[in-house]
């Protein structure tokens, strides 16, 4: 088992999502899903794999064309993702790539037109 500091691992993804609004109101909950390309990198290796994104969130209409948005997404891919154990990354090199999920929470503003 090889260990390394958690800060030495990074993951980048590019996704195309489809969004389904559940209601059309001042506060609009939504679901999303789509395809992704996921790139994982540590000091000694890198890996690019296809994946998918799923999740949901809320839009809060502050004005007619201005919204505050928050969402949570799960990015599921077969990257050679390490396991986090007590603040240390544990690489499972003998097992190869494993299906894993990373969770991303975002908050921001949007303009509707």
N, C-alpha and C. Protein backbone atom coordinates (compact mmCIF):
# COMPACT_ATOMS: atom_id res chain seq x y z
N UNK A 1 0.85 -1.17 0.00
CA UNK A 1 0.00 0.00 0.00
C UNK A 1 0.89 1.23 0.00
N UNK A 2 0.64 2.13 -0.94
CA UNK A 2 1.41 3.37 -1.04
C UNK A 2 0.54 4.51 -0.52
N UNK A 3 1.13 5.37 0.30
CA UNK A 3 0.38 6.52 0.82
C UNK A 3 1.06 7.81 0.39
N UNK A 4 0.26 8.87 0.28
CA UNK A 4 0.80 10.17 -0.05
C UNK A 4 -0.13 11.24 0.51
N UNK A 5 0.34 12.46 0.70
CA UNK A 5 -0.52 13.52 1.24
C UNK A 5 -1.71 13.79 0.32
N UNK A 6 -2.85 14.13 0.91
CA UNK A 6 -4.08 14.36 0.15
C UNK A 6 -3.93 15.53 -0.82
N UNK A 7 -3.14 16.53 -0.48
CA UNK A 7 -2.98 17.71 -1.33
C UNK A 7 -2.31 17.37 -2.66
N UNK A 8 -1.68 16.20 -2.79
CA UNK A 8 -1.00 15.82 -4.02
C UNK A 8 -1.93 15.21 -5.07
N UNK A 9 -3.23 15.12 -4.79
CA UNK A 9 -4.19 14.55 -5.73
C UNK A 9 -5.16 15.63 -6.20
N UNK A 10 -5.42 15.68 -7.50
CA UNK A 10 -6.40 16.65 -8.01
C UNK A 10 -7.31 15.97 -9.02
N UNK A 11 -8.52 16.48 -9.15
CA UNK A 11 -9.48 15.96 -10.11
C UNK A 11 -10.12 17.13 -10.84
N UNK A 12 -10.21 17.03 -12.15
CA UNK A 12 -10.84 18.04 -12.99
C UNK A 12 -11.89 17.34 -13.83
N UNK A 13 -13.02 18.02 -14.08
CA UNK A 13 -14.03 17.40 -14.93
C UNK A 13 -14.67 18.42 -15.84
N UNK A 14 -15.16 17.97 -16.97
CA UNK A 14 -15.93 18.76 -17.92
C UNK A 14 -17.22 18.01 -18.14
N UNK A 15 -18.38 18.69 -17.95
CA UNK A 15 -19.67 18.01 -18.04
C UNK A 15 -20.65 18.79 -18.91
N UNK A 16 -21.53 18.05 -19.55
CA UNK A 16 -22.67 18.62 -20.27
C UNK A 16 -23.91 18.09 -19.57
N UNK A 17 -24.74 19.00 -19.04
CA UNK A 17 -25.88 18.61 -18.21
C UNK A 17 -27.21 18.93 -18.89
N UNK A 18 -28.21 18.14 -18.53
CA UNK A 18 -29.60 18.43 -18.86
C UNK A 18 -30.28 18.76 -17.53
N UNK A 19 -31.10 19.81 -17.53
CA UNK A 19 -31.74 20.27 -16.29
C UNK A 19 -33.25 20.13 -16.42
N UNK A 20 -33.88 19.63 -15.36
CA UNK A 20 -35.33 19.49 -15.30
C UNK A 20 -35.85 20.31 -14.12
N UNK A 21 -36.56 21.41 -14.41
CA UNK A 21 -37.16 22.22 -13.35
C UNK A 21 -38.40 21.50 -12.83
N UNK A 22 -38.52 21.36 -11.52
CA UNK A 22 -39.64 20.64 -10.92
C UNK A 22 -40.88 21.52 -10.80
N UNK A 23 -40.70 22.82 -10.59
CA UNK A 23 -41.81 23.79 -10.58
C UNK A 23 -41.28 25.08 -11.20
N UNK A 24 -42.18 25.94 -11.63
CA UNK A 24 -41.79 27.26 -12.13
C UNK A 24 -42.30 28.30 -11.14
N UNK A 25 -41.47 28.64 -10.18
CA UNK A 25 -41.86 29.56 -9.11
C UNK A 25 -40.66 30.43 -8.74
N UNK A 26 -40.87 31.29 -7.75
CA UNK A 26 -39.78 32.15 -7.28
C UNK A 26 -38.59 31.33 -6.78
N UNK A 27 -38.88 30.23 -6.07
CA UNK A 27 -37.85 29.27 -5.67
C UNK A 27 -38.09 28.00 -6.48
N UNK A 28 -37.17 27.69 -7.38
CA UNK A 28 -37.34 26.59 -8.32
C UNK A 28 -36.36 25.45 -8.02
N UNK A 29 -36.84 24.32 -7.52
CA UNK A 29 -35.96 23.15 -7.38
C UNK A 29 -35.77 22.48 -8.74
N UNK A 30 -34.60 21.89 -8.94
CA UNK A 30 -34.33 21.22 -10.22
C UNK A 30 -33.47 19.99 -10.01
N UNK A 31 -33.55 19.09 -10.98
CA UNK A 31 -32.68 17.92 -11.07
C UNK A 31 -31.79 18.10 -12.29
N UNK A 32 -30.62 17.50 -12.25
CA UNK A 32 -29.74 17.56 -13.42
C UNK A 32 -29.01 16.25 -13.60
N UNK A 33 -28.61 16.00 -14.82
CA UNK A 33 -27.84 14.81 -15.15
C UNK A 33 -27.16 15.01 -16.49
N UNK A 34 -26.08 14.29 -16.71
CA UNK A 34 -25.38 14.42 -17.98
C UNK A 34 -24.11 13.62 -18.04
N UNK A 35 -23.38 13.83 -19.12
CA UNK A 35 -22.13 13.12 -19.37
C UNK A 35 -20.94 13.97 -18.94
N UNK A 36 -19.84 13.31 -18.61
CA UNK A 36 -18.65 14.02 -18.14
C UNK A 36 -17.38 13.34 -18.63
N UNK A 37 -16.32 14.11 -18.69
CA UNK A 37 -14.96 13.60 -18.88
C UNK A 37 -14.21 13.99 -17.61
N UNK A 38 -13.61 12.99 -16.95
CA UNK A 38 -12.97 13.21 -15.64
C UNK A 38 -11.47 12.93 -15.76
N UNK A 39 -10.66 13.87 -15.26
CA UNK A 39 -9.21 13.77 -15.28
C UNK A 39 -8.71 13.78 -13.85
N UNK A 40 -8.06 12.70 -13.41
CA UNK A 40 -7.48 12.61 -12.08
C UNK A 40 -5.97 12.61 -12.17
N UNK A 41 -5.30 13.30 -11.25
CA UNK A 41 -3.84 13.40 -11.31
C UNK A 41 -3.25 13.37 -9.91
N UNK A 42 -2.22 12.56 -9.74
CA UNK A 42 -1.39 12.60 -8.53
C UNK A 42 0.04 12.83 -8.99
N UNK A 43 0.99 12.83 -8.06
CA UNK A 43 2.39 13.12 -8.42
C UNK A 43 2.94 12.16 -9.47
N UNK A 44 2.58 10.88 -9.39
CA UNK A 44 3.20 9.89 -10.26
C UNK A 44 2.30 9.32 -11.35
N UNK A 45 1.05 9.73 -11.43
CA UNK A 45 0.17 9.18 -12.47
C UNK A 45 -0.97 10.14 -12.78
N UNK A 46 -1.56 9.92 -13.95
CA UNK A 46 -2.76 10.67 -14.33
C UNK A 46 -3.65 9.73 -15.12
N UNK A 47 -4.94 10.04 -15.15
CA UNK A 47 -5.91 9.15 -15.77
C UNK A 47 -7.09 9.98 -16.26
N UNK A 48 -7.58 9.70 -17.47
CA UNK A 48 -8.75 10.36 -18.03
C UNK A 48 -9.78 9.31 -18.38
N UNK A 49 -11.01 9.49 -17.92
CA UNK A 49 -12.08 8.52 -18.16
C UNK A 49 -13.42 9.21 -18.38
N UNK A 50 -14.33 8.54 -19.08
CA UNK A 50 -15.70 9.06 -19.17
C UNK A 50 -16.42 8.85 -17.85
N UNK A 51 -17.47 9.61 -17.63
CA UNK A 51 -18.26 9.47 -16.42
C UNK A 51 -19.62 10.10 -16.62
N UNK A 52 -20.35 10.25 -15.55
CA UNK A 52 -21.63 10.95 -15.61
C UNK A 52 -21.83 11.79 -14.36
N UNK A 53 -22.68 12.80 -14.51
CA UNK A 53 -22.96 13.76 -13.44
C UNK A 53 -24.45 13.67 -13.12
N UNK A 54 -24.79 13.73 -11.84
CA UNK A 54 -26.18 13.74 -11.42
C UNK A 54 -26.30 14.60 -10.17
N UNK A 55 -27.49 15.13 -9.92
CA UNK A 55 -27.68 15.94 -8.73
C UNK A 55 -28.91 16.80 -8.82
N UNK A 56 -28.90 17.88 -8.07
CA UNK A 56 -30.03 18.79 -8.04
C UNK A 56 -29.67 20.06 -7.32
N UNK A 57 -30.63 20.99 -7.28
CA UNK A 57 -30.38 22.25 -6.61
C UNK A 57 -31.60 23.14 -6.58
N UNK A 58 -31.34 24.42 -6.26
CA UNK A 58 -32.40 25.42 -6.15
C UNK A 58 -31.96 26.71 -6.83
N UNK A 59 -32.91 27.34 -7.54
CA UNK A 59 -32.75 28.71 -8.03
C UNK A 59 -33.70 29.58 -7.23
N UNK A 60 -33.20 30.70 -6.73
CA UNK A 60 -34.05 31.66 -6.01
C UNK A 60 -34.05 32.95 -6.81
N UNK A 61 -35.21 33.30 -7.39
CA UNK A 61 -35.33 34.50 -8.22
C UNK A 61 -35.39 35.75 -7.33
N UNK A 62 -34.31 36.52 -7.34
CA UNK A 62 -34.24 37.75 -6.56
C UNK A 62 -34.94 38.87 -7.32
N UNK A 63 -34.81 38.86 -8.65
CA UNK A 63 -35.48 39.81 -9.54
C UNK A 63 -35.92 39.01 -10.77
N UNK A 64 -36.57 39.68 -11.73
CA UNK A 64 -37.08 38.96 -12.91
C UNK A 64 -35.99 38.19 -13.66
N UNK A 65 -34.81 38.77 -13.80
CA UNK A 65 -33.76 38.12 -14.58
C UNK A 65 -32.52 37.78 -13.76
N UNK A 66 -32.58 37.86 -12.46
CA UNK A 66 -31.43 37.62 -11.60
C UNK A 66 -31.77 36.53 -10.58
N UNK A 67 -30.97 35.46 -10.52
CA UNK A 67 -31.22 34.35 -9.59
C UNK A 67 -29.96 34.05 -8.79
N UNK A 68 -30.17 33.53 -7.59
CA UNK A 68 -29.10 32.94 -6.79
C UNK A 68 -29.30 31.44 -6.89
N UNK A 69 -28.23 30.74 -7.22
CA UNK A 69 -28.34 29.31 -7.50
C UNK A 69 -27.40 28.53 -6.59
N UNK A 70 -27.88 27.39 -6.12
CA UNK A 70 -27.03 26.44 -5.40
C UNK A 70 -27.36 25.04 -5.90
N UNK A 71 -26.34 24.21 -5.98
CA UNK A 71 -26.58 22.82 -6.40
C UNK A 71 -25.52 21.90 -5.83
N UNK A 72 -25.83 20.63 -5.84
CA UNK A 72 -24.88 19.59 -5.45
C UNK A 72 -24.86 18.56 -6.57
N UNK A 73 -23.65 18.17 -6.97
CA UNK A 73 -23.47 17.22 -8.07
C UNK A 73 -22.61 16.05 -7.62
N UNK A 74 -22.97 14.88 -8.05
CA UNK A 74 -22.14 13.70 -7.90
C UNK A 74 -21.48 13.42 -9.24
N UNK A 75 -20.16 13.31 -9.26
CA UNK A 75 -19.43 13.00 -10.49
C UNK A 75 -18.95 11.56 -10.36
N UNK A 76 -19.53 10.68 -11.15
CA UNK A 76 -19.24 9.23 -11.06
C UNK A 76 -18.39 8.84 -12.24
N UNK A 77 -17.25 8.22 -11.98
CA UNK A 77 -16.33 7.84 -13.05
C UNK A 77 -15.45 6.69 -12.60
N UNK A 78 -14.83 6.08 -13.56
CA UNK A 78 -13.93 4.97 -13.30
C UNK A 78 -12.48 5.46 -13.28
N UNK A 79 -12.22 6.53 -12.55
CA UNK A 79 -10.86 7.04 -12.43
C UNK A 79 -10.10 6.19 -11.41
N UNK A 80 -8.80 6.22 -11.49
CA UNK A 80 -7.97 5.51 -10.52
C UNK A 80 -7.91 6.37 -9.27
N UNK A 81 -9.08 6.49 -8.62
CA UNK A 81 -9.21 7.40 -7.48
C UNK A 81 -8.64 6.77 -6.22
N UNK A 82 -7.90 7.55 -5.47
CA UNK A 82 -7.38 7.06 -4.20
C UNK A 82 -8.45 7.13 -3.11
N UNK A 83 -8.26 6.39 -2.07
CA UNK A 83 -9.16 6.44 -0.92
C UNK A 83 -8.56 7.36 0.13
N UNK A 84 -9.38 8.15 0.76
CA UNK A 84 -8.91 9.05 1.81
C UNK A 84 -9.09 8.35 3.16
N UNK A 85 -8.00 8.20 3.89
CA UNK A 85 -8.05 7.52 5.17
C UNK A 85 -7.26 8.34 6.19
N UNK A 86 -7.96 8.92 7.16
CA UNK A 86 -7.33 9.72 8.22
C UNK A 86 -6.42 10.81 7.63
N UNK A 87 -6.89 11.50 6.57
CA UNK A 87 -6.12 12.60 5.99
C UNK A 87 -4.99 12.17 5.08
N UNK A 88 -4.86 10.87 4.83
CA UNK A 88 -3.79 10.35 3.96
C UNK A 88 -4.45 9.67 2.76
N UNK A 89 -3.87 9.86 1.57
CA UNK A 89 -4.36 9.18 0.37
C UNK A 89 -3.77 7.78 0.32
N UNK A 90 -4.61 6.80 0.11
CA UNK A 90 -4.14 5.41 -0.01
C UNK A 90 -4.40 4.97 -1.44
N UNK A 91 -3.33 4.68 -2.18
CA UNK A 91 -3.47 4.25 -3.57
C UNK A 91 -3.68 2.74 -3.63
N UNK A 92 -4.65 2.31 -4.44
CA UNK A 92 -4.90 0.88 -4.63
C UNK A 92 -4.44 0.50 -6.02
N UNK A 93 -3.13 0.50 -6.25
CA UNK A 93 -2.58 0.27 -7.59
C UNK A 93 -2.84 -1.15 -8.08
N UNK A 94 -2.86 -2.14 -7.20
CA UNK A 94 -3.08 -3.52 -7.63
C UNK A 94 -4.52 -3.73 -8.09
N UNK A 95 -5.46 -2.97 -7.54
CA UNK A 95 -6.86 -3.14 -7.90
C UNK A 95 -7.20 -2.46 -9.22
N UNK A 96 -6.38 -1.50 -9.67
CA UNK A 96 -6.66 -0.77 -10.90
C UNK A 96 -7.74 0.28 -10.67
N UNK A 97 -8.32 0.75 -11.77
CA UNK A 97 -9.33 1.79 -11.68
C UNK A 97 -10.60 1.24 -11.03
N UNK A 98 -11.21 2.04 -10.19
CA UNK A 98 -12.43 1.65 -9.51
C UNK A 98 -13.48 2.72 -9.74
N UNK A 99 -14.75 2.31 -9.78
CA UNK A 99 -15.83 3.26 -9.94
C UNK A 99 -15.95 4.06 -8.65
N UNK A 100 -15.87 5.38 -8.75
CA UNK A 100 -15.91 6.22 -7.56
C UNK A 100 -16.74 7.47 -7.82
N UNK A 101 -17.20 8.11 -6.75
CA UNK A 101 -18.01 9.32 -6.84
C UNK A 101 -17.36 10.44 -6.06
N UNK A 102 -17.26 11.60 -6.69
CA UNK A 102 -16.82 12.83 -6.01
C UNK A 102 -18.03 13.75 -5.93
N UNK A 103 -18.22 14.43 -4.81
CA UNK A 103 -19.36 15.33 -4.61
C UNK A 103 -18.86 16.77 -4.67
N UNK A 104 -19.59 17.61 -5.43
CA UNK A 104 -19.23 19.01 -5.59
C UNK A 104 -20.46 19.86 -5.25
N UNK A 105 -20.31 20.84 -4.34
CA UNK A 105 -21.38 21.75 -3.99
C UNK A 105 -21.00 23.14 -4.49
N UNK A 106 -21.91 23.80 -5.20
CA UNK A 106 -21.62 25.13 -5.73
C UNK A 106 -22.73 26.11 -5.34
N UNK A 107 -22.37 27.38 -5.30
CA UNK A 107 -23.33 28.46 -5.11
C UNK A 107 -22.88 29.61 -6.01
N UNK A 108 -23.84 30.29 -6.62
CA UNK A 108 -23.48 31.38 -7.52
C UNK A 108 -24.68 32.19 -7.92
N UNK A 109 -24.49 33.06 -8.90
CA UNK A 109 -25.56 33.90 -9.41
C UNK A 109 -25.78 33.57 -10.88
N UNK A 110 -26.99 33.86 -11.35
CA UNK A 110 -27.31 33.62 -12.75
C UNK A 110 -28.19 34.74 -13.29
N UNK A 111 -28.15 34.89 -14.59
CA UNK A 111 -28.97 35.87 -15.29
C UNK A 111 -29.81 35.14 -16.33
N UNK A 112 -31.11 35.28 -16.25
CA UNK A 112 -32.01 34.67 -17.22
C UNK A 112 -32.31 35.67 -18.31
N UNK A 113 -32.39 35.18 -19.53
CA UNK A 113 -32.73 36.06 -20.65
C UNK A 113 -33.64 35.38 -21.64
